[in-house]
PDB file of N, CA and C in Angstrom:
ATOM      1  N   MET A   1      -8.233   2.643  33.954  1.00  0.00           N
ATOM      2  CA  MET A   1      -7.220   2.915  32.957  1.00  0.00           C
ATOM      3  C   MET A   1      -7.340   4.364  32.505  1.00  0.00           C
ATOM      4  N   SER A   2      -6.281   5.070  32.675  1.00  0.00           N
ATOM      5  CA  SER A   2      -6.330   6.497  32.384  1.00  0.00           C
ATOM      6  C   SER A   2      -6.454   6.783  30.892  1.00  0.00           C
ATOM      7  N   TYR A   3      -6.048   5.880  30.027  1.00  0.00           N
ATOM      8  CA  TYR A   3      -6.115   6.155  28.594  1.00  0.00           C
ATOM      9  C   TYR A   3      -7.517   5.988  28.028  1.00  0.00           C
ATOM     10  N   GLN A   4      -8.485   5.669  28.866  1.00  0.00           N
ATOM     11  CA  GLN A   4      -9.870   5.582  28.410  1.00  0.00           C
ATOM     12  C   GLN A   4     -10.485   6.965  28.208  1.00  0.00           C
ATOM     13  N   LEU A   5      -9.738   8.020  28.462  1.00  0.00           N
ATOM     14  CA  LEU A   5     -10.232   9.375  28.248  1.00  0.00           C
ATOM     15  C   LEU A   5     -10.644   9.600  26.802  1.00  0.00           C
ATOM     16  N   TYR A   6     -10.034   8.900  25.869  1.00  0.00           N
ATOM     17  CA  TYR A   6     -10.346   9.076  24.458  1.00  0.00           C
ATOM     18  C   TYR A   6     -11.736   8.566  24.105  1.00  0.00           C
ATOM     19  N   ARG A   7     -12.336   7.798  24.993  1.00  0.00           N
ATOM     20  CA  ARG A   7     -13.686   7.299  24.734  1.00  0.00           C
ATOM     21  C   ARG A   7     -14.711   8.430  24.753  1.00  0.00           C
ATOM     22  N   ALA A   8     -14.401   9.537  25.384  1.00  0.00           N
ATOM     23  CA  ALA A   8     -15.327  10.670  25.467  1.00  0.00           C
ATOM     24  C   ALA A   8     -15.221  11.585  24.247  1.00  0.00           C
ATOM     25  N   THR A   9     -14.371  11.240  23.289  1.00  0.00           N
ATOM     26  CA  THR A   9     -14.242  12.039  22.070  1.00  0.00           C
ATOM     27  C   THR A   9     -15.376  11.688  21.109  1.00  0.00           C
ATOM     28  N   THR A  10     -15.495  12.467  20.060  1.00  0.00           N
ATOM     29  CA  THR A  10     -16.540  12.213  19.065  1.00  0.00           C
ATOM     30  C   THR A  10     -16.398  10.824  18.460  1.00  0.00           C
ATOM     31  N   ILE A  11     -15.188  10.455  18.093  1.00  0.00           N
ATOM     32  CA  ILE A  11     -14.986   9.134  17.481  1.00  0.00           C
ATOM     33  C   ILE A  11     -15.207   8.015  18.494  1.00  0.00           C
ATOM     34  N   GLY A  12     -14.824   8.237  19.744  1.00  0.00           N
ATOM     35  CA  GLY A  12     -15.052   7.241  20.787  1.00  0.00           C
ATOM     36  C   GLY A  12     -16.529   7.030  21.051  1.00  0.00           C
ATOM     37  N   ASN A  13     -17.285   8.124  21.108  1.00  0.00           N
ATOM     38  CA  ASN A  13     -18.739   8.025  21.302  1.00  0.00           C
ATOM     39  C   ASN A  13     -19.412   7.337  20.126  1.00  0.00           C
ATOM     40  N   ALA A  14     -18.978   7.665  18.917  1.00  0.00           N
ATOM     41  CA  ALA A  14     -19.567   7.036  17.727  1.00  0.00           C
ATOM     42  C   ALA A  14     -19.298   5.531  17.719  1.00  0.00           C
ATOM     43  N   LEU A  15     -18.088   5.148  18.091  1.00  0.00           N
ATOM     44  CA  LEU A  15     -17.757   3.725  18.148  1.00  0.00           C
ATOM     45  C   LEU A  15     -18.612   3.014  19.193  1.00  0.00           C
ATOM     46  N   GLN A  16     -18.754   3.632  20.366  1.00  0.00           N
ATOM     47  CA  GLN A  16     -19.556   3.020  21.425  1.00  0.00           C
ATOM     48  C   GLN A  16     -21.013   2.868  21.006  1.00  0.00           C
ATOM     49  N   GLU A  17     -21.559   3.883  20.349  1.00  0.00           N
ATOM     50  CA  GLU A  17     -22.942   3.800  19.873  1.00  0.00           C
ATOM     51  C   GLU A  17     -23.105   2.694  18.836  1.00  0.00           C
ATOM     52  N   SER A  18     -22.148   2.566  17.941  1.00  0.00           N
ATOM     53  CA  SER A  18     -22.205   1.509  16.925  1.00  0.00           C
ATOM     54  C   SER A  18     -22.133   0.133  17.563  1.00  0.00           C
ATOM     55  N   LEU A  19     -21.253  -0.012  18.535  1.00  0.00           N
ATOM     56  CA  LEU A  19     -21.139  -1.301  19.224  1.00  0.00           C
ATOM     57  C   LEU A  19     -22.416  -1.624  19.989  1.00  0.00           C
ATOM     58  N   ASP A  20     -23.025  -0.604  20.611  1.00  0.00           N
ATOM     59  CA  ASP A  20     -24.292  -0.823  21.325  1.00  0.00           C
ATOM     60  C   ASP A  20     -25.381  -1.324  20.378  1.00  0.00           C
ATOM     61  N   GLU A  21     -25.433  -0.748  19.186  1.00  0.00           N
ATOM     62  CA  GLU A  21     -26.420  -1.195  18.191  1.00  0.00           C
ATOM     63  C   GLU A  21     -26.165  -2.640  17.776  1.00  0.00           C
ATOM     64  N   LEU A  22     -24.890  -2.989  17.595  1.00  0.00           N
ATOM     65  CA  LEU A  22     -24.550  -4.366  17.213  1.00  0.00           C
ATOM     66  C   LEU A  22     -24.904  -5.352  18.325  1.00  0.00           C
ATOM     67  N   ILE A  23     -24.716  -4.938  19.576  1.00  0.00           N
ATOM     68  CA  ILE A  23     -25.074  -5.800  20.702  1.00  0.00           C
ATOM     69  C   ILE A  23     -26.588  -5.988  20.745  1.00  0.00           C
ATOM     70  N   LEU A  24     -27.329  -4.882  20.613  1.00  0.00           N
ATOM     71  CA  LEU A  24     -28.798  -4.965  20.657  1.00  0.00           C
ATOM     72  C   LEU A  24     -29.368  -5.827  19.539  1.00  0.00           C
ATOM     73  N   SER A  25     -28.719  -5.804  18.386  1.00  0.00           N
ATOM     74  CA  SER A  25     -29.217  -6.617  17.262  1.00  0.00           C
ATOM     75  C   SER A  25     -28.709  -8.060  17.327  1.00  0.00           C
ATOM     76  N   GLY A  26     -27.883  -8.356  18.320  1.00  0.00           N
ATOM     77  CA  GLY A  26     -27.394  -9.720  18.501  1.00  0.00           C
ATOM     78  C   GLY A  26     -26.260 -10.114  17.580  1.00  0.00           C
ATOM     79  N   GLN A  27     -25.641  -9.141  16.928  1.00  0.00           N
ATOM     80  CA  GLN A  27     -24.561  -9.458  15.994  1.00  0.00           C
ATOM     81  C   GLN A  27     -23.217  -9.668  16.688  1.00  0.00           C
ATOM     82  N   ILE A  28     -23.035  -9.054  17.857  1.00  0.00           N
ATOM     83  CA  ILE A  28     -21.823  -9.284  18.656  1.00  0.00           C
ATOM     84  C   ILE A  28     -22.218  -9.400  20.126  1.00  0.00           C
ATOM     85  N   THR A  29     -21.301  -9.925  20.932  1.00  0.00           N
ATOM     86  CA  THR A  29     -21.547 -10.046  22.368  1.00  0.00           C
ATOM     87  C   THR A  29     -20.936  -8.852  23.104  1.00  0.00           C
ATOM     88  N   CYS A  30     -21.306  -8.705  24.350  1.00  0.00           N
ATOM     89  CA  CYS A  30     -20.735  -7.637  25.180  1.00  0.00           C
ATOM     90  C   CYS A  30     -19.223  -7.812  25.325  1.00  0.00           C
ATOM     91  N   GLN A  31     -18.772  -9.056  25.425  1.00  0.00           N
ATOM     92  CA  GLN A  31     -17.343  -9.317  25.547  1.00  0.00           C
ATOM     93  C   GLN A  31     -16.594  -8.885  24.289  1.00  0.00           C
ATOM     94  N   GLN A  32     -17.175  -9.125  23.143  1.00  0.00           N
ATOM     95  CA  GLN A  32     -16.542  -8.697  21.889  1.00  0.00           C
ATOM     96  C   GLN A  32     -16.490  -7.171  21.804  1.00  0.00           C
ATOM     97  N   ALA A  33     -17.550  -6.509  22.228  1.00  0.00           N
ATOM     98  CA  ALA A  33     -17.568  -5.046  22.227  1.00  0.00           C
ATOM     99  C   ALA A  33     -16.510  -4.495  23.178  1.00  0.00           C
ATOM    100  N   SER A  34     -16.344  -5.136  24.321  1.00  0.00           N
ATOM    101  CA  SER A  34     -15.322  -4.703  25.280  1.00  0.00           C
ATOM    102  C   SER A  34     -13.925  -4.833  24.685  1.00  0.00           C
ATOM    103  N   LYS A  35     -13.690  -5.908  23.952  1.00  0.00           N
ATOM    104  CA  LYS A  35     -12.395  -6.091  23.308  1.00  0.00           C
ATOM    105  C   LYS A  35     -12.147  -5.021  22.250  1.00  0.00           C
ATOM    106  N   VAL A  36     -13.188  -4.676  21.503  1.00  0.00           N
ATOM    107  CA  VAL A  36     -13.051  -3.626  20.489  1.00  0.00           C
ATOM    108  C   VAL A  36     -12.717  -2.298  21.153  1.00  0.00           C
ATOM    109  N   MET A  37     -13.396  -1.982  22.256  1.00  0.00           N
ATOM    110  CA  MET A  37     -13.124  -0.712  22.947  1.00  0.00           C
ATOM    111  C   MET A  37     -11.717  -0.703  23.536  1.00  0.00           C
ATOM    112  N   LEU A  38     -11.251  -1.817  24.048  1.00  0.00           N
ATOM    113  CA  LEU A  38      -9.889  -1.882  24.575  1.00  0.00           C
ATOM    114  C   LEU A  38      -8.877  -1.680  23.447  1.00  0.00           C
ATOM    115  N   ARG A  39      -9.127  -2.284  22.302  1.00  0.00           N
ATOM    116  CA  ARG A  39      -8.255  -2.096  21.144  1.00  0.00           C
ATOM    117  C   ARG A  39      -8.267  -0.630  20.699  1.00  0.00           C
ATOM    118  N   PHE A  40      -9.449   0.011  20.737  1.00  0.00           N
ATOM    119  CA  PHE A  40      -9.567   1.433  20.408  1.00  0.00           C
ATOM    120  C   PHE A  40      -8.714   2.266  21.370  1.00  0.00           C
ATOM    121  N   ASP A  41      -8.830   1.989  22.671  1.00  0.00           N
ATOM    122  CA  ASP A  41      -8.053   2.733  23.674  1.00  0.00           C
ATOM    123  C   ASP A  41      -6.560   2.673  23.360  1.00  0.00           C
ATOM    124  N   LYS A  42      -6.077   1.482  23.103  1.00  0.00           N
ATOM    125  CA  LYS A  42      -4.651   1.306  22.834  1.00  0.00           C
ATOM    126  C   LYS A  42      -4.240   1.934  21.509  1.00  0.00           C
ATOM    127  N   SER A  43      -5.066   1.766  20.493  1.00  0.00           N
ATOM    128  CA  SER A  43      -4.730   2.286  19.163  1.00  0.00           C
ATOM    129  C   SER A  43      -4.716   3.805  19.121  1.00  0.00           C
ATOM    130  N   ILE A  44      -5.698   4.441  19.732  1.00  0.00           N
ATOM    131  CA  ILE A  44      -5.768   5.901  19.681  1.00  0.00           C
ATOM    132  C   ILE A  44      -4.617   6.505  20.481  1.00  0.00           C
ATOM    133  N   SER A  45      -4.287   5.885  21.590  1.00  0.00           N
ATOM    134  CA  SER A  45      -3.167   6.372  22.392  1.00  0.00           C
ATOM    135  C   SER A  45      -1.855   6.232  21.628  1.00  0.00           C
ATOM    136  N   ARG A  46      -1.664   5.106  20.972  1.00  0.00           N
ATOM    137  CA  ARG A  46      -0.452   4.885  20.185  1.00  0.00           C
ATOM    138  C   ARG A  46      -0.379   5.876  19.024  1.00  0.00           C
ATOM    139  N   ALA A  47      -1.514   6.125  18.370  1.00  0.00           N
ATOM    140  CA  ALA A  47      -1.543   7.057  17.240  1.00  0.00           C
ATOM    141  C   ALA A  47      -1.158   8.462  17.683  1.00  0.00           C
ATOM    142  N   PHE A  48      -1.671   8.910  18.815  1.00  0.00           N
ATOM    143  CA  PHE A  48      -1.299  10.235  19.308  1.00  0.00           C
ATOM    144  C   PHE A  48       0.186  10.289  19.638  1.00  0.00           C
ATOM    145  N   GLY A  49       0.699   9.208  20.165  1.00  0.00           N
ATOM    146  CA  GLY A  49       2.111   9.184  20.551  1.00  0.00           C
ATOM    147  C   GLY A  49       3.079   9.133  19.384  1.00  0.00           C
ATOM    148  N   THR A  50       2.655   8.559  18.268  1.00  0.00           N
ATOM    149  CA  THR A  50       3.584   8.381  17.149  1.00  0.00           C
ATOM    150  C   THR A  50       3.306   9.276  15.952  1.00  0.00           C
ATOM    151  N   ARG A  51       2.071   9.739  15.780  1.00  0.00           N
ATOM    152  CA  ARG A  51       1.718  10.464  14.561  1.00  0.00           C
ATOM    153  C   ARG A  51       1.493  11.960  14.754  1.00  0.00           C
ATOM    154  N   VAL A  52       1.182  12.388  15.952  1.00  0.00           N
ATOM    155  CA  VAL A  52       0.906  13.809  16.180  1.00  0.00           C
ATOM    156  C   VAL A  52       2.218  14.519  16.477  1.00  0.00           C
ATOM    157  N   ARG A  53       2.530  15.502  15.670  1.00  0.00           N
ATOM    158  CA  ARG A  53       3.790  16.224  15.816  1.00  0.00           C
ATOM    159  C   ARG A  53       3.579  17.722  16.063  1.00  0.00           C
ATOM    160  N   ALA A  54       2.389  18.119  16.421  1.00  0.00           N
ATOM    161  CA  ALA A  54       2.101  19.528  16.681  1.00  0.00           C
ATOM    162  C   ALA A  54       2.495  19.864  18.118  1.00  0.00           C
ATOM    163  N   TYR A  55       3.083  21.007  18.285  1.00  0.00           N
ATOM    164  CA  TYR A  55       3.476  21.466  19.606  1.00  0.00           C
ATOM    165  C   TYR A  55       2.851  22.819  19.872  1.00  0.00           C
ATOM    166  N   ILE A  56       2.529  23.052  21.108  1.00  0.00           N
ATOM    167  CA  ILE A  56       1.943  24.321  21.503  1.00  0.00           C
ATOM    168  C   ILE A  56       2.485  24.670  22.881  1.00  0.00           C
ATOM    169  N   SER A  57       2.664  25.931  23.130  1.00  0.00           N
ATOM    170  CA  SER A  57       3.112  26.362  24.456  1.00  0.00           C
ATOM    171  C   SER A  57       2.038  27.248  25.059  1.00  0.00           C
ATOM    172  N   PHE A  58       2.042  27.343  26.369  1.00  0.00           N
ATOM    173  CA  PHE A  58       1.055  28.193  27.017  1.00  0.00           C
ATOM    174  C   PHE A  58       1.673  28.873  28.225  1.00  0.00           C
ATOM    175  N   LYS A  59       1.066  29.982  28.569  1.00  0.00           N
ATOM    176  CA  LYS A  59       1.480  30.756  29.726  1.00  0.00           C
ATOM    177  C   LYS A  59       0.223  31.011  30.539  1.00  0.00           C
ATOM    178  N   ALA A  60       0.204  30.497  31.768  1.00  0.00           N
ATOM    179  CA  ALA A  60      -0.979  30.627  32.609  1.00  0.00           C
ATOM    180  C   ALA A  60      -0.842  31.838  33.526  1.00  0.00           C
ATOM    181  N   GLY A  61      -1.937  32.563  33.645  1.00  0.00           N
ATOM    182  CA  GLY A  61      -1.963  33.675  34.583  1.00  0.00           C
ATOM    183  C   GLY A  61      -1.994  33.166  36.014  1.00  0.00           C
ATOM    184  N   LYS A  62      -2.788  32.101  36.252  1.00  0.00           N
ATOM    185  CA  LYS A  62      -2.928  31.584  37.611  1.00  0.00           C
ATOM    186  C   LYS A  62      -3.355  30.116  37.573  1.00  0.00           C
ATOM    187  N   LEU A  63      -2.703  29.316  38.393  1.00  0.00           N
ATOM    188  CA  LEU A  63      -3.096  27.925  38.592  1.00  0.00           C
ATOM    189  C   LEU A  63      -4.093  27.919  39.750  1.00  0.00           C
ATOM    190  N   THR A  64      -5.355  27.574  39.451  1.00  0.00           N
ATOM    191  CA  THR A  64      -6.368  27.641  40.506  1.00  0.00           C
ATOM    192  C   THR A  64      -6.518  26.332  41.279  1.00  0.00           C
ATOM    193  N   SER A  65      -6.280  25.200  40.607  1.00  0.00           N
ATOM    194  CA  SER A  65      -6.317  23.926  41.327  1.00  0.00           C
ATOM    195  C   SER A  65      -5.569  22.867  40.542  1.00  0.00           C
ATOM    196  N   TYR A  66      -5.140  21.852  41.264  1.00  0.00           N
ATOM    197  CA  TYR A  66      -4.478  20.718  40.626  1.00  0.00           C
ATOM    198  C   TYR A  66      -4.769  19.478  41.448  1.00  0.00           C
ATOM    199  N   ARG A  67      -4.691  18.320  40.771  1.00  0.00           N
ATOM    200  CA  ARG A  67      -4.989  17.060  41.434  1.00  0.00           C
ATOM    201  C   ARG A  67      -4.220  15.946  40.746  1.00  0.00           C
ATOM    202  N   PHE A  68      -3.784  14.960  41.529  1.00  0.00           N
ATOM    203  CA  PHE A  68      -3.119  13.778  40.984  1.00  0.00           C
ATOM    204  C   PHE A  68      -3.797  12.551  41.569  1.00  0.00           C
ATOM    205  N   CYS A  69      -4.390  11.730  40.706  1.00  0.00           N
ATOM    206  CA  CYS A  69      -5.085  10.534  41.156  1.00  0.00           C
ATOM    207  C   CYS A  69      -4.963   9.465  40.081  1.00  0.00           C
ATOM    208  N   ASP A  70      -4.583   8.272  40.461  1.00  0.00           N
ATOM    209  CA  ASP A  70      -4.469   7.134  39.531  1.00  0.00           C
ATOM    210  C   ASP A  70      -3.605   7.472  38.318  1.00  0.00           C
ATOM    211  N   ASN A  71      -2.449   8.096  38.553  1.00  0.00           N
ATOM    212  CA  ASN A  71      -1.503   8.474  37.502  1.00  0.00           C
ATOM    213  C   ASN A  71      -2.088   9.467  36.498  1.00  0.00           C
ATOM    214  N   VAL A  72      -3.063  10.261  36.917  1.00  0.00           N
ATOM    215  CA  VAL A  72      -3.665  11.287  36.071  1.00  0.00           C
ATOM    216  C   VAL A  72      -3.560  12.630  36.781  1.00  0.00           C
ATOM    217  N   TRP A  73      -2.938  13.586  36.113  1.00  0.00           N
ATOM    218  CA  TRP A  73      -2.860  14.953  36.619  1.00  0.00           C
ATOM    219  C   TRP A  73      -3.991  15.756  36.014  1.00  0.00           C
ATOM    220  N   SER A  74      -4.650  16.577  36.829  1.00  0.00           N
ATOM    221  CA  SER A  74      -5.660  17.529  36.351  1.00  0.00           C
ATOM    222  C   SER A  74      -5.269  18.917  36.850  1.00  0.00           C
ATOM    223  N   PHE A  75      -5.236  19.878  35.950  1.00  0.00           N
ATOM    224  CA  PHE A  75      -4.894  21.255  36.281  1.00  0.00           C
ATOM    225  C   PHE A  75      -6.023  22.168  35.805  1.00  0.00           C
ATOM    226  N   VAL A  76      -6.401  23.132  36.621  1.00  0.00           N
ATOM    227  CA  VAL A  76      -7.345  24.165  36.210  1.00  0.00           C
ATOM    228  C   VAL A  76      -6.582  25.483  36.240  1.00  0.00           C
ATOM    229  N   LEU A  77      -6.527  26.151  35.088  1.00  0.00           N
ATOM    230  CA  LEU A  77      -5.764  27.377  34.926  1.00  0.00           C
ATOM    231  C   LEU A  77      -6.695  28.515  34.532  1.00  0.00           C
ATOM    232  N   LYS A  78      -6.345  29.723  34.948  1.00  0.00           N
ATOM    233  CA  LYS A  78      -7.110  30.920  34.565  1.00  0.00           C
ATOM    234  C   LYS A  78      -6.227  31.840  33.750  1.00  0.00           C
ATOM    235  N   ASP A  79      -6.848  32.564  32.830  1.00  0.00           N
ATOM    236  CA  ASP A  79      -6.165  33.536  31.980  1.00  0.00           C
ATOM    237  C   ASP A  79      -4.943  32.915  31.301  1.00  0.00           C
ATOM    238  N   VAL A  80      -5.212  31.940  30.452  1.00  0.00           N
ATOM    239  CA  VAL A  80      -4.169  31.159  29.789  1.00  0.00           C
ATOM    240  C   VAL A  80      -3.961  31.673  28.362  1.00  0.00           C
ATOM    241  N   GLU A  81      -2.709  31.909  28.018  1.00  0.00           N
ATOM    242  CA  GLU A  81      -2.346  32.342  26.668  1.00  0.00           C
ATOM    243  C   GLU A  81      -1.641  31.187  25.964  1.00  0.00           C
ATOM    244  N   PHE A  82      -2.206  30.750  24.841  1.00  0.00           N
ATOM    245  CA  PHE A  82      -1.623  29.673  24.050  1.00  0.00           C
ATOM    246  C   PHE A  82      -0.896  30.261  22.851  1.00  0.00           C
ATOM    247  N   ARG A  83       0.283  29.688  22.550  1.00  0.00           N
ATOM    248  CA  ARG A  83       1.056  30.093  21.375  1.00  0.00           C
ATOM    249  C   ARG A  83       1.460  28.837  20.625  1.00  0.00           C
ATOM    250  N   GLY A  84       1.406  28.919  19.312  1.00  0.00           N
ATOM    251  CA  GLY A  84       1.842  27.750  18.568  1.00  0.00           C
ATOM    252  C   GLY A  84       1.317  27.675  17.173  1.00  0.00           C
ATOM    253  N   ILE A  85       0.371  26.786  16.960  1.00  0.00           N
ATOM    254  CA  ILE A  85      -0.054  26.362  15.639  1.00  0.00           C
ATOM    255  C   ILE A  85      -0.299  27.535  14.678  1.00  0.00           C
ATOM    256  N   ALA A  86      -1.422  28.203  14.762  1.00  0.00           N
ATOM    257  CA  ALA A  86      -1.756  29.231  13.771  1.00  0.00           C
ATOM    258  C   ALA A  86      -1.686  30.645  14.357  1.00  0.00           C
ATOM    259  N   GLU A  87      -2.408  30.853  15.416  1.00  0.00           N
ATOM    260  CA  GLU A  87      -2.446  32.184  16.007  1.00  0.00           C
ATOM    261  C   GLU A  87      -2.461  32.061  17.525  1.00  0.00           C
ATOM    262  N   ASP A  88      -2.081  33.135  18.198  1.00  0.00           N
ATOM    263  CA  ASP A  88      -2.112  33.143  19.653  1.00  0.00           C
ATOM    264  C   ASP A  88      -3.552  33.325  20.123  1.00  0.00           C
ATOM    265  N   SER A  89      -3.896  32.654  21.221  1.00  0.00           N
ATOM    266  CA  SER A  89      -5.245  32.738  21.767  1.00  0.00           C
ATOM    267  C   SER A  89      -5.175  32.819  23.274  1.00  0.00           C
ATOM    268  N   THR A  90      -6.114  33.538  23.866  1.00  0.00           N
ATOM    269  CA  THR A  90      -6.196  33.648  25.316  1.00  0.00           C
ATOM    270  C   THR A  90      -7.563  33.144  25.766  1.00  0.00           C
ATOM    271  N   PHE A  91      -7.569  32.348  26.853  1.00  0.00           N
ATOM    272  CA  PHE A  91      -8.794  31.779  27.392  1.00  0.00           C
ATOM    273  C   PHE A  91      -8.907  32.124  28.864  1.00  0.00           C
ATOM    274  N   HIS A  92     -10.144  32.363  29.294  1.00  0.00           N
ATOM    275  CA  HIS A  92     -10.376  32.722  30.690  1.00  0.00           C
ATOM    276  C   HIS A  92     -10.076  31.541  31.623  1.00  0.00           C
ATOM    277  N   ALA A  93     -10.529  30.345  31.256  1.00  0.00           N
ATOM    278  CA  ALA A  93     -10.305  29.166  32.098  1.00  0.00           C
ATOM    279  C   ALA A  93     -10.033  27.951  31.210  1.00  0.00           C
ATOM    280  N   VAL A  94      -9.085  27.119  31.650  1.00  0.00           N
ATOM    281  CA  VAL A  94      -8.705  25.924  30.899  1.00  0.00           C
ATOM    282  C   VAL A  94      -8.469  24.786  31.890  1.00  0.00           C
ATOM    283  N   LYS A  95      -8.941  23.597  31.529  1.00  0.00           N
ATOM    284  CA  LYS A  95      -8.645  22.404  32.320  1.00  0.00           C
ATOM    285  C   LYS A  95      -7.768  21.495  31.478  1.00  0.00           C
ATOM    286  N   ILE A  96      -6.641  21.102  32.038  1.00  0.00           N
ATOM    287  CA  ILE A  96      -5.706  20.210  31.348  1.00  0.00           C
ATOM    288  C   ILE A  96      -5.674  18.893  32.108  1.00  0.00           C
ATOM    289  N   VAL A  97      -5.854  17.785  31.380  1.00  0.00           N
ATOM    290  CA  VAL A  97      -5.770  16.448  31.962  1.00  0.00           C
ATOM    291  C   VAL A  97      -4.603  15.746  31.295  1.00  0.00           C
ATOM    292  N   ALA A  98      -3.654  15.289  32.097  1.00  0.00           N
ATOM    293  CA  ALA A  98      -2.456  14.638  31.567  1.00  0.00           C
ATOM    294  C   ALA A  98      -2.330  13.238  32.167  1.00  0.00           C
ATOM    295  N   CYS A  99      -2.168  12.254  31.282  1.00  0.00           N
ATOM    296  CA  CYS A  99      -2.088  10.853  31.699  1.00  0.00           C
ATOM    297  C   CYS A  99      -0.729  10.277  31.355  1.00  0.00           C
ATOM    298  N   ASP A 100      -0.287   9.317  32.144  1.00  0.00           N
ATOM    299  CA  ASP A 100       0.949   8.617  31.878  1.00  0.00           C
ATOM    300  C   ASP A 100       0.698   7.599  30.775  1.00  0.00           C
ATOM    301  N   GLY A 101       1.371   7.757  29.641  1.00  0.00           N
ATOM    302  CA  GLY A 101       1.178   6.858  28.515  1.00  0.00           C
ATOM    303  C   GLY A 101       1.988   5.579  28.622  1.00  0.00           C
ATOM    304  N   LYS A 102       2.830   5.459  29.627  1.00  0.00           N
ATOM    305  CA  LYS A 102       3.616   4.240  29.782  1.00  0.00           C
ATOM    306  C   LYS A 102       2.692   3.092  30.122  1.00  0.00           C
ATOM    307  N   GLY A 103       3.047   1.918  29.663  1.00  0.00           N
ATOM    308  CA  GLY A 103       2.200   0.755  29.882  1.00  0.00           C
ATOM    309  C   GLY A 103       1.247   0.518  28.725  1.00  0.00           C
ATOM    310  N   MET A 104       1.206   1.467  27.790  1.00  0.00           N
ATOM    311  CA  MET A 104       0.336   1.311  26.616  1.00  0.00           C
ATOM    312  C   MET A 104       1.007   0.475  25.546  1.00  0.00           C
ATOM    313  N   GLU A 105       2.251   0.147  25.727  1.00  0.00           N
ATOM    314  CA  GLU A 105       3.011  -0.565  24.698  1.00  0.00           C
ATOM    315  C   GLU A 105       2.792  -2.069  24.762  1.00  0.00           C
ATOM    316  N   SER A 106       1.836  -2.529  25.601  1.00  0.00           N
ATOM    317  CA  SER A 106       1.641  -3.965  25.742  1.00  0.00           C
ATOM    318  C   SER A 106       1.091  -4.565  24.455  1.00  0.00           C
ATOM    319  N   ASP A 107       1.198  -5.856  24.353  1.00  0.00           N
ATOM    320  CA  ASP A 107       0.744  -6.579  23.164  1.00  0.00           C
ATOM    321  C   ASP A 107      -0.764  -6.546  23.079  1.00  0.00           C
ATOM    322  N   ASP A 108      -1.323  -5.988  22.021  1.00  0.00           N
ATOM    323  CA  ASP A 108      -2.763  -5.892  21.884  1.00  0.00           C
ATOM    324  C   ASP A 108      -3.297  -6.862  20.836  1.00  0.00           C
ATOM    325  N   THR A 109      -2.589  -7.911  20.572  1.00  0.00           N
ATOM    326  CA  THR A 109      -3.041  -8.884  19.582  1.00  0.00           C
ATOM    327  C   THR A 109      -3.933  -9.944  20.212  1.00  0.00           C
ATOM    328  N   LYS A 110      -4.135  -9.881  21.500  1.00  0.00           N
ATOM    329  CA  LYS A 110      -4.949 -10.897  22.195  1.00  0.00           C
ATOM    330  C   LYS A 110      -6.408 -10.673  21.940  1.00  0.00           C
TER     331      LYS A 110
END
């Protein structure tokens, strides 16, 4: 599932560590922890899709590589200029990972 990328964020790691502690102490099962992580995946993706309204544009000096696998695009760019939120910034190298958010609208009440 491509939307599991959010698990590598600070909040995703903190949630996983907390669930691991609960499993080790016998307070929840592995299956319950898996359900919580799946709910997290769906919730964080939905929140980004509905609540984040910030836009940014960029201009890349050079596209050095790109890849498409399992509905996930990965781009590596060099000399990238970002414009938008507060101030313009230029970065030597940037990796962009883009996932298809369709299919996230399924019922997560199970």
